[in-house]
Protein backbone atom coordinates (compact mmCIF):
# COMPACT_ATOMS: atom_id res chain seq x y z
CA UNK A 1 26.63 3.64 30.59
CA UNK A 2 24.29 5.90 32.35
CA UNK A 3 21.73 8.06 30.14
CA UNK A 4 18.61 9.88 30.62
CA UNK A 5 15.24 8.45 29.46
CA UNK A 6 15.40 10.53 26.17
CA UNK A 7 18.60 9.83 25.15
CA UNK A 8 17.82 5.80 26.00
CA UNK A 9 14.55 6.40 23.36
CA UNK A 10 17.03 7.64 20.87
CA UNK A 11 19.71 4.91 21.26
CA UNK A 12 16.81 2.43 20.90
CA UNK A 13 15.84 3.76 17.81
CA UNK A 14 19.25 3.38 16.13
CA UNK A 15 19.31 -0.20 17.43
CA UNK A 16 16.11 -0.60 15.53
CA UNK A 17 17.98 1.08 12.28
CA UNK A 18 15.40 3.68 12.53
CA UNK A 19 16.53 6.86 10.25
CA UNK A 20 14.02 8.59 9.72
CA UNK A 21 11.04 9.77 12.33
CA UNK A 22 7.84 12.08 11.86
CA UNK A 23 6.48 14.21 14.25
CA UNK A 24 5.67 17.35 16.38
CA UNK A 25 7.27 18.51 19.57
CA UNK A 26 5.50 19.83 22.79
CA UNK A 27 6.17 20.67 26.35
CA UNK A 28 6.19 16.68 27.87
CA UNK A 29 8.06 15.66 25.09
CA UNK A 30 11.01 18.41 24.88
CA UNK A 31 13.56 16.08 26.66
CA UNK A 32 13.26 13.38 23.65
CA UNK A 33 13.41 16.16 20.89
CA UNK A 34 16.78 17.51 22.75
CA UNK A 35 17.82 14.25 22.81
CA UNK A 36 17.33 13.86 18.88
CA UNK A 37 19.07 17.13 18.14
CA UNK A 38 22.01 16.00 19.41
CA UNK A 39 21.78 12.93 16.88
CA UNK A 40 19.96 14.63 13.88
CA UNK A 41 23.04 13.42 11.95
CA UNK A 42 21.95 9.77 12.50
CA UNK A 43 18.02 10.21 12.73
CA UNK A 44 16.51 12.27 10.52
CA UNK A 45 13.54 14.02 11.80
CA UNK A 46 10.27 15.59 9.56
CA UNK A 47 8.58 18.15 11.00
CA UNK A 48 5.00 17.50 10.13
CA UNK A 49 2.27 20.44 9.83
CA UNK A 50 -0.12 18.39 12.04
CA UNK A 51 0.35 15.29 14.18
CA UNK A 52 -2.03 13.53 12.21
CA UNK A 53 0.36 14.25 9.02
CA UNK A 54 2.86 12.45 10.82
CA UNK A 55 1.27 9.46 11.64
CA UNK A 56 0.41 9.09 8.04
CA UNK A 57 3.64 9.97 7.07
CA UNK A 58 5.08 7.17 9.63
CA UNK A 59 2.33 4.70 7.43
CA UNK A 60 3.58 5.39 4.20
CA UNK A 61 7.22 4.94 5.25
CA UNK A 62 6.40 1.73 6.82
CA UNK A 63 4.18 0.50 3.58
CA UNK A 64 6.83 1.69 1.11
CA UNK A 65 9.87 0.08 2.73
CA UNK A 66 8.36 -2.85 5.10
CA UNK A 67 10.33 -1.58 7.94
CA UNK A 68 8.46 0.01 11.48
CA UNK A 69 7.35 3.72 10.46
CA UNK A 70 8.03 6.09 13.60
CA UNK A 71 6.28 8.88 14.83
CA UNK A 72 6.28 11.25 17.78
CA UNK A 73 4.03 13.41 19.53
CA UNK A 74 3.38 15.53 22.89
CA UNK A 75 0.84 14.86 25.37
CA UNK A 76 -2.71 15.85 25.46
CA UNK A 77 -3.90 16.93 21.85
CA UNK A 78 -0.85 16.22 20.43
CA UNK A 79 -1.37 12.43 21.26
CA UNK A 80 -5.32 12.39 20.05
CA UNK A 81 -4.46 14.16 17.16
CA UNK A 82 -2.21 11.02 16.14
CA UNK A 83 -5.34 8.93 16.33
CA UNK A 84 -7.16 8.56 13.04
CA UNK A 85 -3.32 7.70 11.76
CA UNK A 86 -2.97 4.69 14.40
CA UNK A 87 -6.68 3.67 13.49
CA UNK A 88 -5.63 3.84 9.91
CA UNK A 89 -2.50 1.65 10.32
CA UNK A 90 -4.23 -1.02 12.75
CA UNK A 91 -7.18 -1.85 9.91
CA UNK A 92 -4.44 -2.37 7.44
CA UNK A 93 -1.77 -4.34 9.54
CA UNK A 94 1.08 -1.59 8.95
CA UNK A 95 3.78 -1.69 11.70
CA UNK A 96 4.07 1.54 13.10
CA UNK A 97 5.44 2.96 16.47
CA UNK A 98 3.91 5.91 18.17
CA UNK A 99 6.09 7.36 20.71
CA UNK A 100 4.13 9.70 22.86
CA UNK A 101 5.14 11.33 26.32
CA UNK A 102 3.01 12.18 29.06
CA UNK A 103 2.38 14.43 31.98
CA UNK A 104 4.97 13.98 35.02
CA UNK A 105 4.09 10.90 37.18
CA UNK A 106 2.82 12.47 40.01
CA UNK A 107 0.16 14.40 38.08
CA UNK A 108 -1.15 11.60 35.95
CA UNK A 109 -4.78 10.99 36.89
CA UNK A 110 -5.26 14.50 38.05
CA UNK A 111 -6.71 16.35 35.12
CA UNK A 112 -3.23 18.07 34.51
CA UNK A 113 -2.91 20.45 31.84
CA UNK A 114 -2.63 18.31 28.18
CA UNK A 115 -3.24 15.16 30.04
CA UNK A 116 -5.04 12.64 27.97
CA UNK A 117 -4.97 8.62 28.53
CA UNK A 118 -3.62 8.35 25.57
CA UNK A 119 -3.03 4.44 26.16
CA UNK A 120 -6.76 3.94 27.38
CA UNK A 121 -7.87 5.53 24.16
CA UNK A 122 -6.03 3.88 21.98
CA UNK A 123 -6.52 0.59 23.15
CA UNK A 124 -9.11 -0.54 20.30
CA UNK A 125 -7.05 0.10 17.67
CA UNK A 126 -3.46 -0.80 18.65
CA UNK A 127 -1.94 -4.15 18.47
CA UNK A 128 -0.60 -3.34 22.16
CA UNK A 129 0.42 -0.21 24.05
CA UNK A 130 2.46 0.60 27.15
CA UNK A 131 2.60 3.27 29.56
CA UNK A 132 6.24 3.87 31.06
CA UNK A 133 6.50 4.91 34.29
CA UNK A 134 9.78 3.56 35.15
CA UNK A 135 13.03 4.39 33.42
CA UNK A 136 14.81 1.06 34.19
CA UNK A 137 12.01 -0.73 31.99
CA UNK A 138 12.25 2.11 29.11
CA UNK A 139 14.72 0.36 26.73
CA UNK A 140 12.83 -2.91 26.97
CA UNK A 141 9.66 -1.55 26.44
CA UNK A 142 10.77 0.55 23.45
CA UNK A 143 12.57 -2.86 22.02
CA UNK A 144 9.20 -4.93 22.62
CA UNK A 145 7.16 -2.69 20.78
CA UNK A 146 9.19 -2.82 17.65
CA UNK A 147 9.11 -6.77 17.44
CA UNK A 148 5.27 -7.02 18.24
CA UNK A 149 4.76 -4.13 15.47
CA UNK A 150 6.27 -6.70 13.27
CA UNK A 151 5.86 -10.15 14.35
CA UNK A 152 2.85 -12.27 12.98
CA UNK A 153 0.17 -9.82 11.53
CA UNK A 154 1.96 -6.49 12.15
CA UNK A 155 0.28 -3.48 13.20
CA UNK A 156 0.55 -0.04 15.20
CA UNK A 157 1.94 -0.05 19.02
CA UNK A 158 1.71 3.19 20.96
CA UNK A 159 4.54 3.74 23.72
CA UNK A 160 3.56 6.35 26.45
CA UNK A 161 6.10 7.77 28.73
CA UNK A 162 5.80 10.02 31.25
CA UNK A 163 8.10 13.36 31.09
CA UNK A 164 9.78 12.60 34.28
CA UNK A 165 10.86 8.72 32.93
CA UNK A 166 12.43 10.97 29.95
CA UNK A 167 14.69 13.05 32.60
CA UNK A 168 15.52 10.23 35.03
CA UNK A 169 18.68 8.14 34.20
CA UNK A 170 19.87 4.63 34.45
CA UNK A 171 22.29 1.94 33.01
CA UNK A 172 21.89 1.48 29.22
CA UNK A 173 23.55 -1.21 27.31
CA UNK A 174 22.95 -1.74 23.71
CA UNK A 175 21.02 -4.69 22.34
CA UNK A 176 20.46 -6.18 19.15
CA UNK A 177 16.98 -6.07 18.17
CA UNK A 178 14.67 -8.87 19.38
CA UNK A 179 14.31 -11.87 16.79
CA UNK A 180 10.60 -12.11 16.18
CA UNK A 181 8.37 -15.05 16.98
CA UNK A 182 7.14 -17.54 14.54
CA UNK A 183 3.35 -17.03 13.67
CA UNK A 184 3.41 -20.65 11.80
CA UNK A 185 0.71 -22.88 13.46
CA UNK A 186 -0.39 -24.93 10.16
CA UNK A 187 0.56 -28.36 10.34
CA UNK A 188 1.70 -31.13 7.39
CA UNK A 189 -2.05 -32.20 7.36
CA UNK A 190 -3.25 -28.72 6.67
CA UNK A 191 -0.96 -28.54 3.66
CA UNK A 192 -1.97 -31.47 2.20
CA UNK A 193 -5.34 -31.09 2.51
CA UNK A 194 -4.89 -27.73 0.83
CA UNK A 195 -3.02 -29.63 -1.94
CA UNK A 196 -5.71 -32.09 -2.55
CA UNK A 197 -8.21 -29.57 -2.73
CA UNK A 198 -6.08 -27.74 -5.44
CA UNK A 199 -5.73 -30.94 -7.44
CA UNK A 200 -9.40 -31.42 -8.00
CA UNK A 201 -10.74 -28.12 -8.79
CA UNK A 202 -11.60 -27.75 -12.47
CA UNK A 203 -12.61 -23.77 -12.02
CA UNK A 204 -10.05 -22.42 -9.84
CA UNK A 205 -9.89 -18.74 -8.80
CA UNK A 206 -7.05 -17.08 -6.66
CA UNK A 207 -8.29 -14.02 -4.17
CA UNK A 208 -5.26 -12.15 -3.60
CA UNK A 209 -5.12 -9.95 -0.04
CA UNK A 210 -2.72 -7.39 1.58
CA UNK A 211 -1.36 -10.47 3.72
CA UNK A 212 0.68 -11.16 0.31
CA UNK A 213 2.11 -7.87 0.26
CA UNK A 214 3.12 -7.95 4.05
CA UNK A 215 4.82 -11.40 3.48
CA UNK A 216 6.46 -10.61 0.48
CA UNK A 217 5.05 -13.66 -1.22
CA UNK A 218 4.52 -11.92 -4.77
CA UNK A 219 6.69 -14.31 -6.45
CA UNK A 220 5.23 -17.17 -4.70
CA UNK A 221 1.54 -16.17 -5.55
CA UNK A 222 2.74 -15.51 -9.01
CA UNK A 223 4.50 -18.99 -9.22
CA UNK A 224 0.74 -20.52 -7.66
CA UNK A 225 -1.15 -18.88 -10.25
CA UNK A 226 1.11 -20.58 -12.97
CA UNK A 227 1.26 -24.22 -11.59
CA UNK A 228 -2.54 -23.76 -10.85
CA UNK A 229 -3.08 -22.49 -14.61
CA UNK A 230 -5.85 -20.14 -12.38
CA UNK A 231 -6.83 -16.25 -12.67
CA UNK A 232 -5.80 -14.03 -9.85
CA UNK A 233 -8.17 -11.21 -8.64
CA UNK A 234 -7.14 -8.88 -6.01
CA UNK A 235 -8.00 -6.24 -2.89
CA UNK A 236 -7.08 -2.65 -3.00
CA UNK A 237 -4.35 -3.93 -0.72
CA UNK A 238 -2.89 -6.38 -2.63
CA UNK A 239 -1.92 -4.13 -6.04
CA UNK A 240 1.10 -5.22 -7.29
CA UNK A 241 1.50 -8.85 -5.78
CA UNK A 242 0.35 -10.11 -9.58
CA UNK A 243 1.44 -7.85 -12.50
CA UNK A 244 -1.30 -5.47 -13.47
CA UNK A 245 -0.54 -6.99 -17.19
CA UNK A 246 -0.23 -10.69 -16.71
CA UNK A 247 -2.91 -12.60 -19.01
CA UNK A 248 -4.05 -14.48 -15.67
CA UNK A 249 -4.96 -10.85 -13.75
CA UNK A 250 -8.39 -10.02 -13.97
CA UNK A 251 -8.23 -6.95 -11.71
CA UNK A 252 -10.07 -5.97 -8.48
CA UNK A 253 -12.44 -7.80 -6.94
CA UNK A 254 -15.40 -6.52 -4.68
CA UNK A 255 -17.79 -3.45 -4.73
CA UNK A 256 -15.64 -1.51 -7.54
CA UNK A 257 -14.30 -4.75 -8.87
CA UNK A 258 -14.08 -5.85 -12.53
CA UNK A 259 -16.94 -7.96 -13.82
CA UNK A 260 -14.26 -10.46 -14.56
CA UNK A 261 -13.24 -11.02 -11.16
CA UNK A 262 -16.89 -10.47 -9.74
CA UNK A 263 -18.19 -13.01 -12.16
CA UNK A 264 -15.66 -15.42 -12.22
CA UNK A 265 -15.22 -15.76 -8.34
CA UNK A 266 -19.28 -16.48 -8.63
CA UNK A 267 -18.70 -19.11 -10.72
CA UNK A 268 -15.44 -20.99 -9.73
CA UNK A 269 -15.51 -24.23 -7.60
CA UNK A 270 -12.48 -23.32 -5.96
CA UNK A 271 -11.44 -19.98 -4.42
CA UNK A 272 -7.98 -19.92 -3.00
CA UNK A 273 -7.59 -16.75 -0.60
CA UNK A 274 -4.04 -15.52 0.17
CA UNK A 275 -3.80 -13.27 2.79
CA UNK A 276 -7.08 -11.66 2.45
CA UNK A 277 -9.95 -11.25 5.29
CA UNK A 278 -12.94 -11.44 3.05
CA UNK A 279 -13.81 -7.64 4.21
CA UNK A 280 -17.52 -6.33 3.57
CA UNK A 281 -16.42 -4.12 0.47
CA UNK A 282 -14.81 -7.63 -1.21
CA UNK A 283 -18.05 -9.87 -0.25
CA UNK A 284 -21.10 -8.19 -0.36
CA UNK A 285 -23.88 -10.36 0.52
CA UNK A 286 -21.85 -12.86 2.15
CA UNK A 287 -24.28 -15.88 2.13
CA UNK A 288 -23.87 -15.79 -1.69
CA UNK A 289 -20.33 -14.92 -1.93
CA UNK A 290 -18.63 -17.74 -3.88
CA UNK A 291 -21.59 -19.89 -3.23
CA UNK A 292 -20.63 -22.66 -5.87
CA UNK A 293 -16.94 -22.83 -4.39
CA UNK A 294 -14.86 -24.67 -1.94
CA UNK A 295 -12.95 -22.17 0.08
CA UNK A 296 -9.02 -22.25 1.06
CA UNK A 297 -8.01 -19.33 3.13
CA UNK A 298 -3.99 -18.99 4.00
CA UNK A 299 -3.56 -16.37 6.44
CA UNK A 300 -1.02 -15.42 9.50
CA UNK A 301 -4.12 -14.45 11.72
CA UNK A 302 -6.19 -17.57 13.12
CA UNK A 303 -8.76 -15.10 14.14
CA UNK A 304 -9.61 -14.44 10.53
CA UNK A 305 -10.24 -18.22 9.57
CA UNK A 306 -14.12 -18.52 9.46
CA UNK A 307 -14.87 -15.23 10.86
CA UNK A 308 -16.41 -13.46 7.59
CA UNK A 309 -16.89 -16.94 5.25
CA UNK A 310 -16.64 -20.33 6.13
CA UNK A 311 -13.91 -22.10 4.70
CA UNK A 312 -13.33 -25.85 3.41
CA UNK A 313 -9.73 -25.79 4.31
CA UNK A 314 -7.32 -23.50 5.85
CA UNK A 315 -3.41 -22.83 6.91
CA UNK A 316 -2.27 -20.61 9.53
CA UNK A 317 1.10 -19.10 9.15
CA UNK A 318 3.52 -16.74 6.93
CA UNK A 319 2.08 -17.02 3.36
CA UNK A 320 5.49 -16.97 1.79
CA UNK A 321 6.63 -20.03 3.87
CA UNK A 322 3.19 -21.95 3.38
CA UNK A 323 2.83 -21.26 -0.68
CA UNK A 324 6.47 -22.38 -1.02
CA UNK A 325 5.58 -25.64 0.45
CA UNK A 326 2.53 -25.98 -1.58
CA UNK A 327 4.57 -24.98 -4.65
CA UNK A 328 6.63 -27.57 -4.42
CA UNK A 329 4.03 -30.47 -4.17
CA UNK A 330 1.80 -29.14 -6.90
CA UNK A 331 2.22 -30.50 -10.59
CA UNK A 332 1.76 -28.31 -13.48
CA UNK A 333 -1.79 -27.93 -13.87
CA UNK A 334 -4.07 -27.03 -17.00
CA UNK A 335 -7.78 -25.68 -16.96
CA UNK A 336 -7.89 -24.60 -20.60
CA UNK A 337 -11.80 -24.13 -20.66
CA UNK A 338 -12.29 -22.19 -17.49
CA UNK A 339 -9.22 -19.76 -18.59
CA UNK A 340 -10.64 -19.49 -22.12
CA UNK A 341 -13.95 -18.42 -20.26
CA UNK A 342 -11.94 -16.16 -18.21
CA UNK A 343 -10.30 -14.61 -20.56
CA UNK A 344 -13.80 -13.95 -22.66
CA UNK A 345 -15.14 -12.02 -19.87
CA UNK A 346 -12.28 -9.86 -19.76
CA UNK A 347 -12.59 -9.09 -23.31
CA UNK A 348 -16.66 -8.82 -23.12
CA UNK A 349 -16.33 -6.51 -19.94
CA UNK A 350 -13.20 -4.59 -19.98
CA UNK A 351 -12.61 -1.17 -17.73
CA UNK A 352 -14.01 1.87 -19.68
CA UNK A 353 -14.75 5.26 -19.73
CA UNK A 354 -15.95 8.13 -21.39
CA UNK A 355 -12.81 9.50 -23.11
CA UNK A 356 -14.58 12.63 -24.45
CA UNK A 357 -12.93 14.87 -22.06
CA UNK A 358 -10.25 15.15 -18.98
CA UNK A 359 -11.26 12.48 -16.65
CA UNK A 360 -9.40 10.86 -13.76
CA UNK A 361 -9.08 7.07 -15.70
CA UNK A 362 -7.34 9.40 -18.60
CA UNK A 363 -4.97 10.91 -16.21
CA UNK A 364 -4.28 7.59 -14.34
CA UNK A 365 -2.94 6.01 -17.64
CA UNK A 366 -1.14 8.98 -18.18
CA UNK A 367 0.69 9.01 -15.38
CA UNK A 368 1.09 5.28 -15.88
CA UNK A 369 2.61 5.82 -19.34
CA UNK A 370 4.98 9.00 -18.32
CA UNK A 371 6.37 6.74 -15.39
CA UNK A 372 6.62 3.65 -17.23
CA UNK A 373 4.46 2.18 -14.41
CA UNK A 374 7.71 2.54 -11.96
CA UNK A 375 6.04 5.30 -9.60
CA UNK A 376 4.80 5.08 -5.93
CA UNK A 377 1.28 5.94 -5.92
CA UNK A 378 -0.69 7.02 -2.73
CA UNK A 379 -4.43 8.07 -2.77
CA UNK A 380 -6.86 9.56 -0.24
CA UNK A 381 -10.27 7.89 -0.20
CA UNK A 382 -13.07 8.12 -2.76
CA UNK A 383 -13.79 8.00 -6.19
CA UNK A 384 -10.05 8.81 -7.05
CA UNK A 385 -8.96 5.79 -5.05
CA UNK A 386 -11.00 3.21 -7.18
CA UNK A 387 -9.85 4.87 -10.42
CA UNK A 388 -6.13 4.98 -8.95
CA UNK A 389 -6.30 1.26 -8.30
CA UNK A 390 -8.23 0.33 -11.87
CA UNK A 391 -6.51 2.25 -14.36
CA UNK A 392 -2.60 2.30 -13.16
CA UNK A 393 -0.93 -1.00 -13.93
CA UNK A 394 1.13 -1.69 -10.95
CA UNK A 395 3.50 -4.42 -11.35
CA UNK A 396 5.49 -4.73 -8.00
CA UNK A 397 4.11 -4.75 -4.62
CA UNK A 398 4.49 -1.85 -2.01
CA UNK A 399 3.48 0.42 -5.03
CA UNK A 400 0.22 1.47 -4.05
CA UNK A 401 -0.53 3.00 -0.59
CA UNK A 402 -4.04 3.88 -0.06
CA UNK A 403 -6.22 3.63 3.40
CA UNK A 404 -8.41 0.26 2.76
CA UNK A 405 -10.07 -0.76 5.79
CA UNK A 406 -10.61 2.68 7.48
CA UNK A 407 -11.27 4.86 4.70
CA UNK A 408 -9.21 7.75 5.72
CA UNK A 409 -9.82 11.20 4.19
CA UNK A 410 -6.69 12.97 4.08
CA UNK A 411 -4.25 10.05 4.35
CA UNK A 412 -2.50 10.51 1.00
CA UNK A 413 -0.39 13.59 1.49
CA UNK A 414 1.32 12.64 4.45
CA UNK A 415 1.73 9.00 3.32
CA UNK A 416 3.50 10.24 0.15
CA UNK A 417 5.94 12.37 2.19
CA UNK A 418 6.77 9.09 4.42
CA UNK A 419 7.07 7.08 1.39
CA UNK A 420 9.20 9.47 -0.62
CA UNK A 421 11.34 9.46 2.44
CA UNK A 422 11.88 5.83 2.54
CA UNK A 423 12.16 5.30 -1.06
CA UNK A 424 14.03 8.48 -2.63
CA UNK A 425 15.07 7.12 -5.74
CA UNK A 426 10.99 6.57 -6.62
CA UNK A 427 8.68 8.90 -8.34
CA UNK A 428 6.03 9.10 -5.69
CA UNK A 429 2.53 10.22 -6.69
CA UNK A 430 -0.57 11.46 -4.38
CA UNK A 431 -3.97 11.30 -6.20
CA UNK A 432 -6.29 13.49 -3.92
CA UNK A 433 -9.72 14.05 -4.75
CA UNK A 434 -10.48 17.92 -3.85
CA UNK A 435 -12.52 17.02 -0.68
CA UNK A 436 -9.77 14.56 0.57
CA UNK A 437 -7.30 17.55 -0.10
CA UNK A 438 -8.92 20.10 2.03
CA UNK A 439 -8.44 17.51 4.93
CA UNK A 440 -4.56 17.83 5.26
CA UNK A 441 -3.19 20.06 2.51
CA UNK A 442 -1.15 21.73 5.40
CA UNK A 443 1.20 18.89 4.66
CA UNK A 444 2.12 20.76 1.24
CA UNK A 445 4.34 23.36 3.78
CA UNK A 446 6.24 19.97 5.04
CA UNK A 447 6.94 19.04 1.55
CA UNK A 448 8.25 22.44 1.03
CA UNK A 449 9.85 23.12 4.05
CA UNK A 450 12.15 19.92 3.46
CA UNK A 451 12.13 20.51 -0.58
CA UNK A 452 10.50 16.81 -0.74
CA UNK A 453 9.89 16.36 -4.50
CA UNK A 454 6.43 14.65 -4.29
CA UNK A 455 3.79 15.40 -6.84
CA UNK A 456 0.38 15.98 -5.55
CA UNK A 457 -2.25 15.57 -8.01
CA UNK A 458 -5.83 17.25 -7.20
CA UNK A 459 -8.40 15.61 -9.18
CA UNK A 460 -11.05 18.57 -8.76
CA UNK A 461 -14.84 17.75 -9.62
CA UNK A 462 -16.11 20.52 -6.99
CA UNK A 463 -18.01 18.10 -5.21
CA UNK A 464 -17.50 15.15 -2.89
CA UNK A 465 -17.49 12.49 -5.66
CA UNK A 466 -17.96 9.30 -4.34
CA UNK A 467 -20.92 10.52 -1.91
CA UNK A 468 -22.34 12.26 -4.89
CA UNK A 469 -22.62 8.97 -6.84
CA UNK A 470 -24.08 7.42 -4.35
CA UNK A 471 -26.71 10.59 -3.86
CA UNK A 472 -27.20 10.03 -7.90
CA UNK A 473 -27.97 6.57 -8.15
CA UNK A 474 -29.59 5.95 -4.73
CA UNK A 475 -30.85 9.19 -3.28
CA UNK A 476 -32.87 10.68 -6.05
CA UNK A 477 -30.23 13.37 -6.67
CA UNK A 478 -30.85 15.11 -3.37
CA UNK A 479 -26.72 16.71 -3.09
CA UNK A 480 -27.02 16.89 0.78
CA UNK A 481 -23.78 18.97 1.59
CA UNK A 482 -21.32 17.59 -1.37
CA UNK A 483 -21.22 20.38 -3.48
CA UNK A 484 -17.76 22.07 -2.94
CA UNK A 485 -17.70 24.72 -5.82
CA UNK A 486 -16.69 27.79 -3.10
CA UNK A 487 -14.24 29.39 -5.04
CA UNK A 488 -10.71 27.93 -3.15
CA UNK A 489 -7.92 28.28 -5.61
CA UNK A 490 -5.68 24.86 -5.01
CA UNK A 491 -2.80 26.55 -7.01
CA UNK A 492 -2.62 29.76 -5.14
CA UNK A 493 -2.90 27.33 -1.66
CA UNK A 494 -0.17 25.34 -3.29
CA UNK A 495 2.00 28.40 -4.05
CA UNK A 496 1.25 29.93 -0.45
CA UNK A 497 2.49 27.20 1.13
CA UNK A 498 6.02 26.92 -1.10
CA UNK A 499 4.98 24.70 -3.83
CA UNK A 500 4.88 24.83 -7.65
CA UNK A 501 1.45 24.61 -8.74
CA UNK A 502 0.35 23.53 -12.37
CA UNK A 503 -3.75 23.49 -13.37
CA UNK A 504 -4.79 21.22 -16.02
CA UNK A 505 -8.36 21.24 -17.71
CA UNK A 506 -7.68 19.55 -20.97
CA UNK A 507 -6.20 16.13 -21.79
CA UNK A 508 -3.39 17.30 -23.75
CA UNK A 509 -2.15 19.27 -21.07
CA UNK A 510 -1.51 16.11 -18.85
CA UNK A 511 1.48 14.42 -19.99
CA UNK A 512 3.34 17.62 -20.28
CA UNK A 513 2.25 18.67 -16.87
CA UNK A 514 3.65 15.49 -15.48
CA UNK A 515 6.95 15.35 -17.26
CA UNK A 516 7.31 19.29 -15.71
CA UNK A 517 6.53 17.68 -12.49
CA UNK A 518 8.96 15.07 -12.30
CA UNK A 519 11.83 17.32 -13.96
CA UNK A 520 11.51 20.00 -11.67
CA UNK A 521 12.59 17.75 -8.64
CA UNK A 522 10.41 19.82 -5.99
CA UNK A 523 7.15 19.62 -4.39
CA UNK A 524 4.28 19.99 -7.02
CA UNK A 525 0.84 20.47 -7.17
CA UNK A 526 -1.35 19.26 -10.20
CA UNK A 527 -5.02 20.28 -10.49
CA UNK A 528 -7.04 18.59 -12.88
CA UNK A 529 -10.43 19.78 -13.24
CA UNK A 530 -12.88 17.05 -14.07
CA UNK A 531 -16.89 17.01 -14.64
CA UNK A 532 -18.62 16.95 -11.57
CA UNK A 533 -20.57 13.73 -12.33
CA UNK A 534 -17.85 11.48 -13.69
CA UNK A 535 -18.80 7.99 -12.01
CA UNK A 536 -16.69 5.22 -11.08
CA UNK A 537 -17.91 1.85 -12.40
CA UNK A 538 -18.21 -1.05 -12.09
CA UNK A 539 -20.11 -1.13 -9.24
CA UNK A 540 -22.02 -3.44 -6.76
CA UNK A 541 -24.79 -2.23 -4.57
CA UNK A 542 -24.02 -2.35 -0.53
CA UNK A 543 -25.30 -5.69 0.34
CA UNK A 544 -25.97 -7.09 -3.10
CA UNK A 545 -24.00 -10.27 -3.96
CA UNK A 546 -21.53 -9.71 -6.30
CA UNK A 547 -22.68 -11.34 -9.18
CA UNK A 548 -24.83 -8.28 -9.71
CA UNK A 549 -22.22 -5.95 -10.43
CA UNK A 550 -23.35 -3.38 -12.94
CA UNK A 551 -21.54 -0.59 -15.36
CA UNK A 552 -22.57 2.47 -17.28
CA UNK A 553 -24.17 0.41 -20.22
CA UNK A 554 -26.29 -1.61 -17.65
CA UNK A 555 -27.28 1.23 -16.26
CA UNK A 556 -28.56 2.99 -19.69
CA UNK A 557 -30.15 -0.13 -20.61
CA UNK A 558 -32.28 -0.55 -17.43
CA UNK A 559 -34.00 3.09 -17.88
């Protein structure tokens, strides 16, 4: 049948099973929005307050559901406002398709009104991108974009379409989604070498990254830990792959990882890296990272092998598939002395905090208790992000959504909206610092407009907490531009944007505030006022080996 380009876009979205999109209209994308109007009962469009909010919402939707997130924007500033969200998705391997429209084909390259080469701008931060100038190529391009976003190591794909293409017509025939290409490049010999190293190890440690979430390999990782009788640490991106209450789980690794994880990895004789990329925040001093260990690296992306850390053995391919093969080959192993040593480290160096007043760790523990560990937690970036990773016991993957690679302040609120749209039956809570909240607080208006029942917890210490922590420890307390005590009333802001608001200043108020917010079934902001100098511990100084991890006690003893 003959359809316009705009109608073809909508039909292709329906082909891919898209039920929700996030965006903001403008001149060049008007035809697409007109087509969406006619299909509003099939595709739910969320009008965000800013295009960046749309990109973060699409990202949060993708992380929570495992499906492709979709965002839309018009040309010029509309498209460039997506860039931070696209880069966020790229760094964390999140499948997002961003559809933008540009000026008419004859106007391209002439500095026309609201014209930007968005494909050129986003080339370094997309898995692939397209400029569609011919309506006959539109359907196949959109289909390819979805396939590329999902196959192998996922990531964002941008499709930029000239406005005249959205108005032109051509024949459209419905097709099934493209089958995804296999990313597996491992050989039987790779599997055997990995298994042999695992059998030889006396002090194994498993290090899990976000690839285990993407692959859906949580069950296989837990089984590997059981068979190897090995402790497991995780990255920020891998929360929930291991149950946070599992006896073999040692917590996060890296700059704000636990002492048990950092010291254990430094002492192990075999490090098994699963769907991880050995980022600088994990390894610290690369030359001294896991220096006593042979390293196994299993990842879907061959480019990650030997990029940051040299490996003894590796296997490239889908983690779930590879671990299924490995688990079949492994006997039940036993490492009593090693596991007892790691248990001793966990008992000797537990996470702890000053519980004399209201603090973010206490708030996270209360959220865990009130929600019985069943919520989806999104975060912004900073101290609150680390506390959210440390003190909530994640038991399932896709329940902790955070900007890990790019570290995007302002990410969490949009992501929380996206997560709630994808998982409406889940309690969805964003943990934000007061600095981060200022970045994209306008998205509360989005939650209010659609009455999306998210909970925005603002940890208000009236400073840029993480930067202040560094200024305290390494810059002799020169607090340059990190004090935010300017009289902004976040509860009034929330009320003004159509949301309920609760202010919490004492520990005794936290649980009741959370229960009230959940029961309201509408968007609610909870402002929690904490001391300005609370710090995230443990900590590893930048560039130091992770074995030099220290906490507040060490800091006091060193004075």
